[in-house]
Amino acid sequence: MDINILRSIVTVVTFVIFLGIIWWTMSRRNQADFDEAAQLPFRQED
């Protein structure tokens, strides 16, 4: 196996993982969790 083929495979796999992370963060199912996490710095602890 040529090193360039291996580099191409790693690039494609990394790109697919990147797209999966983007899809996961934009999912409506996770929106409530991310909105709650975004408000953590502003939460008043009494």
PDB file of N, CA and C in Angstrom:
ATOM      1  N   MET A   1       0.859  -1.178   0.000  1.00  0.00           N
ATOM      2  CA  MET A   1       0.000   0.000   0.000  1.00  0.00           C
ATOM      3  C   MET A   1       0.902   1.236   0.000  1.00  0.00           C
ATOM      4  N   ASP A   2       0.616   2.123  -0.885  1.00  0.00           N
ATOM      5  CA  ASP A   2       1.365   3.368  -1.013  1.00  0.00           C
ATOM      6  C   ASP A   2       0.981   4.331   0.120  1.00  0.00           C
ATOM      7  N   ILE A   3       1.932   5.142   0.557  1.00  0.00           N
ATOM      8  CA  ILE A   3       1.677   6.090   1.644  1.00  0.00           C
ATOM      9  C   ILE A   3       0.620   7.120   1.252  1.00  0.00           C
ATOM     10  N   ASN A   4       0.545   7.464  -0.022  1.00  0.00           N
ATOM     11  CA  ASN A   4      -0.454   8.442  -0.463  1.00  0.00           C
ATOM     12  C   ASN A   4      -1.870   7.894  -0.377  1.00  0.00           C
ATOM     13  N   ILE A   5      -2.037   6.608  -0.611  1.00  0.00           N
ATOM     14  CA  ILE A   5      -3.351   5.985  -0.462  1.00  0.00           C
ATOM     15  C   ILE A   5      -3.755   6.006   1.009  1.00  0.00           C
ATOM     16  N   LEU A   6      -2.818   5.703   1.888  1.00  0.00           N
ATOM     17  CA  LEU A   6      -3.088   5.736   3.320  1.00  0.00           C
ATOM     18  C   LEU A   6      -3.462   7.154   3.769  1.00  0.00           C
ATOM     19  N   ARG A   7      -2.755   8.143   3.281  1.00  0.00           N
ATOM     20  CA  ARG A   7      -3.072   9.540   3.618  1.00  0.00           C
ATOM     21  C   ARG A   7      -4.466   9.923   3.115  1.00  0.00           C
ATOM     22  N   SER A   8      -4.812   9.460   1.932  1.00  0.00           N
ATOM     23  CA  SER A   8      -6.143   9.750   1.381  1.00  0.00           C
ATOM     24  C   SER A   8      -7.236   9.110   2.234  1.00  0.00           C
ATOM     25  N   ILE A   9      -7.020   7.887   2.651  1.00  0.00           N
ATOM     26  CA  ILE A   9      -8.003   7.190   3.485  1.00  0.00           C
ATOM     27  C   ILE A   9      -8.169   7.908   4.815  1.00  0.00           C
ATOM     28  N   VAL A  10      -7.063   8.313   5.440  1.00  0.00           N
ATOM     29  CA  VAL A  10      -7.136   9.021   6.710  1.00  0.00           C
ATOM     30  C   VAL A  10      -7.844  10.355   6.539  1.00  0.00           C
ATOM     31  N   THR A  11      -7.616  11.046   5.437  1.00  0.00           N
ATOM     32  CA  THR A  11      -8.285  12.320   5.179  1.00  0.00           C
ATOM     33  C   THR A  11      -9.789  12.129   5.033  1.00  0.00           C
ATOM     34  N   VAL A  12     -10.202  11.121   4.292  1.00  0.00           N
ATOM     35  CA  VAL A  12     -11.630  10.860   4.094  1.00  0.00           C
ATOM     36  C   VAL A  12     -12.290  10.462   5.407  1.00  0.00           C
ATOM     37  N   VAL A  13     -11.651   9.607   6.188  1.00  0.00           N
ATOM     38  CA  VAL A  13     -12.213   9.185   7.472  1.00  0.00           C
ATOM     39  C   VAL A  13     -12.336  10.378   8.415  1.00  0.00           C
ATOM     40  N   THR A  14     -11.328  11.227   8.463  1.00  0.00           N
ATOM     41  CA  THR A  14     -11.376  12.411   9.312  1.00  0.00           C
ATOM     42  C   THR A  14     -12.487  13.351   8.880  1.00  0.00           C
ATOM     43  N   PHE A  15     -12.687  13.516   7.589  1.00  0.00           N
ATOM     44  CA  PHE A  15     -13.747  14.375   7.084  1.00  0.00           C
ATOM     45  C   PHE A  15     -15.120  13.813   7.442  1.00  0.00           C
ATOM     46  N   VAL A  16     -15.284  12.513   7.357  1.00  0.00           N
ATOM     47  CA  VAL A  16     -16.557  11.879   7.719  1.00  0.00           C
ATOM     48  C   VAL A  16     -16.826  12.062   9.214  1.00  0.00           C
ATOM     49  N   ILE A  17     -15.796  11.923  10.039  1.00  0.00           N
ATOM     50  CA  ILE A  17     -15.961  12.147  11.475  1.00  0.00           C
ATOM     51  C   ILE A  17     -16.335  13.595  11.739  1.00  0.00           C
ATOM     52  N   PHE A  18     -15.707  14.523  11.045  1.00  0.00           N
ATOM     53  CA  PHE A  18     -16.033  15.941  11.179  1.00  0.00           C
ATOM     54  C   PHE A  18     -17.495  16.204  10.825  1.00  0.00           C
ATOM     55  N   LEU A  19     -17.962  15.647   9.733  1.00  0.00           N
ATOM     56  CA  LEU A  19     -19.362  15.822   9.341  1.00  0.00           C
ATOM     57  C   LEU A  19     -20.306  15.204  10.373  1.00  0.00           C
ATOM     58  N   GLY A  20     -19.914  14.085  10.962  1.00  0.00           N
ATOM     59  CA  GLY A  20     -20.719  13.467  12.011  1.00  0.00           C
ATOM     60  C   GLY A  20     -20.830  14.353  13.240  1.00  0.00           C
ATOM     61  N   ILE A  21     -19.739  15.005  13.611  1.00  0.00           N
ATOM     62  CA  ILE A  21     -19.770  15.918  14.754  1.00  0.00           C
ATOM     63  C   ILE A  21     -20.656  17.114  14.448  1.00  0.00           C
ATOM     64  N   ILE A  22     -20.572  17.654  13.252  1.00  0.00           N
ATOM     65  CA  ILE A  22     -21.431  18.776  12.850  1.00  0.00           C
ATOM     66  C   ILE A  22     -22.892  18.353  12.892  1.00  0.00           C
ATOM     67  N   TRP A  23     -23.210  17.184  12.365  1.00  0.00           N
ATOM     68  CA  TRP A  23     -24.588  16.689  12.371  1.00  0.00           C
ATOM     69  C   TRP A  23     -25.082  16.513  13.803  1.00  0.00           C
ATOM     70  N   TRP A  24     -24.233  15.988  14.683  1.00  0.00           N
ATOM     71  CA  TRP A  24     -24.613  15.756  16.084  1.00  0.00           C
ATOM     72  C   TRP A  24     -24.894  17.073  16.797  1.00  0.00           C
ATOM     73  N   THR A  25     -24.076  18.095  16.551  1.00  0.00           N
ATOM     74  CA  THR A  25     -24.288  19.366  17.240  1.00  0.00           C
ATOM     75  C   THR A  25     -25.502  20.112  16.701  1.00  0.00           C
ATOM     76  N   MET A  26     -25.858  19.914  15.463  1.00  0.00           N
ATOM     77  CA  MET A  26     -27.007  20.609  14.882  1.00  0.00           C
ATOM     78  C   MET A  26     -28.316  19.849  15.077  1.00  0.00           C
ATOM     79  N   SER A  27     -28.248  18.688  15.666  1.00  0.00           N
ATOM     80  CA  SER A  27     -29.443  17.872  15.876  1.00  0.00           C
ATOM     81  C   SER A  27     -30.409  18.562  16.840  1.00  0.00           C
ATOM     82  N   ARG A  28     -31.667  18.580  16.513  1.00  0.00           N
ATOM     83  CA  ARG A  28     -32.684  19.191  17.375  1.00  0.00           C
ATOM     84  C   ARG A  28     -32.809  18.464  18.710  1.00  0.00           C
ATOM     85  N   ARG A  29     -32.498  17.184  18.723  1.00  0.00           N
ATOM     86  CA  ARG A  29     -32.593  16.386  19.937  1.00  0.00           C
ATOM     87  C   ARG A  29     -31.620  16.886  21.005  1.00  0.00           C
ATOM     88  N   ASN A  30     -30.479  17.425  20.602  1.00  0.00           N
ATOM     89  CA  ASN A  30     -29.466  17.889  21.542  1.00  0.00           C
ATOM     90  C   ASN A  30     -29.556  19.377  21.838  1.00  0.00           C
ATOM     91  N   GLN A  31     -30.452  20.091  21.195  1.00  0.00           N
ATOM     92  CA  GLN A  31     -30.524  21.539  21.324  1.00  0.00           C
ATOM     93  C   GLN A  31     -30.791  21.983  22.765  1.00  0.00           C
ATOM     94  N   ALA A  32     -31.661  21.319  23.469  1.00  0.00           N
ATOM     95  CA  ALA A  32     -31.972  21.701  24.849  1.00  0.00           C
ATOM     96  C   ALA A  32     -30.748  21.548  25.748  1.00  0.00           C
ATOM     97  N   ASP A  33     -29.997  20.483  25.559  1.00  0.00           N
ATOM     98  CA  ASP A  33     -28.790  20.271  26.360  1.00  0.00           C
ATOM     99  C   ASP A  33     -27.748  21.354  26.095  1.00  0.00           C
ATOM    100  N   PHE A  34     -27.573  21.724  24.836  1.00  0.00           N
ATOM    101  CA  PHE A  34     -26.594  22.750  24.497  1.00  0.00           C
ATOM    102  C   PHE A  34     -27.044  24.128  24.964  1.00  0.00           C
ATOM    103  N   ASP A  35     -28.342  24.406  24.897  1.00  0.00           N
ATOM    104  CA  ASP A  35     -28.846  25.682  25.406  1.00  0.00           C
ATOM    105  C   ASP A  35     -28.627  25.796  26.914  1.00  0.00           C
ATOM    106  N   GLU A  36     -28.847  24.712  27.626  1.00  0.00           N
ATOM    107  CA  GLU A  36     -28.618  24.704  29.068  1.00  0.00           C
ATOM    108  C   GLU A  36     -27.126  24.899  29.378  1.00  0.00           C
ATOM    109  N   ALA A  37     -26.274  24.241  28.648  1.00  0.00           N
ATOM    110  CA  ALA A  37     -24.833  24.379  28.861  1.00  0.00           C
ATOM    111  C   ALA A  37     -24.353  25.792  28.534  1.00  0.00           C
ATOM    112  N   ALA A  38     -24.989  26.442  27.566  1.00  0.00           N
ATOM    113  CA  ALA A  38     -24.598  27.801  27.206  1.00  0.00           C
ATOM    114  C   ALA A  38     -24.929  28.798  28.311  1.00  0.00           C
ATOM    115  N   GLN A  39     -25.906  28.472  29.146  1.00  0.00           N
ATOM    116  CA  GLN A  39     -26.303  29.382  30.217  1.00  0.00           C
ATOM    117  C   GLN A  39     -25.547  29.149  31.519  1.00  0.00           C
ATOM    118  N   LEU A  40     -24.708  28.139  31.597  1.00  0.00           N
ATOM    119  CA  LEU A  40     -23.984  27.833  32.831  1.00  0.00           C
ATOM    120  C   LEU A  40     -23.140  28.994  33.355  1.00  0.00           C
ATOM    121  N   PRO A  41     -22.425  29.748  32.531  1.00  0.00           N
ATOM    122  CA  PRO A  41     -21.611  30.843  33.072  1.00  0.00           C
ATOM    123  C   PRO A  41     -22.453  31.962  33.715  1.00  0.00           C
ATOM    124  N   PHE A  42     -23.700  32.063  33.335  1.00  0.00           N
ATOM    125  CA  PHE A  42     -24.554  33.150  33.814  1.00  0.00           C
ATOM    126  C   PHE A  42     -25.435  32.737  34.995  1.00  0.00           C
ATOM    127  N   ARG A  43     -25.376  31.489  35.390  1.00  0.00           N
ATOM    128  CA  ARG A  43     -26.221  30.969  36.447  1.00  0.00           C
ATOM    129  C   ARG A  43     -25.757  31.509  37.796  1.00  0.00           C
ATOM    130  N   GLN A  44     -26.716  31.972  38.586  1.00  0.00           N
ATOM    131  CA  GLN A  44     -26.426  32.482  39.941  1.00  0.00           C
ATOM    132  C   GLN A  44     -26.571  31.334  40.936  1.00  0.00           C
ATOM    133  N   GLU A  45     -25.522  31.049  41.644  1.00  0.00           N
ATOM    134  CA  GLU A  45     -25.567  30.006  42.668  1.00  0.00           C
ATOM    135  C   GLU A  45     -25.847  30.674  44.018  1.00  0.00           C
ATOM    136  N   ASP A  46     -26.958  30.342  44.636  1.00  0.00           N
ATOM    137  CA  ASP A  46     -27.306  30.926  45.944  1.00  0.00           C
ATOM    138  C   ASP A  46     -27.096  29.931  47.057  1.00  0.00           C
TER     139      ASP A  46
END
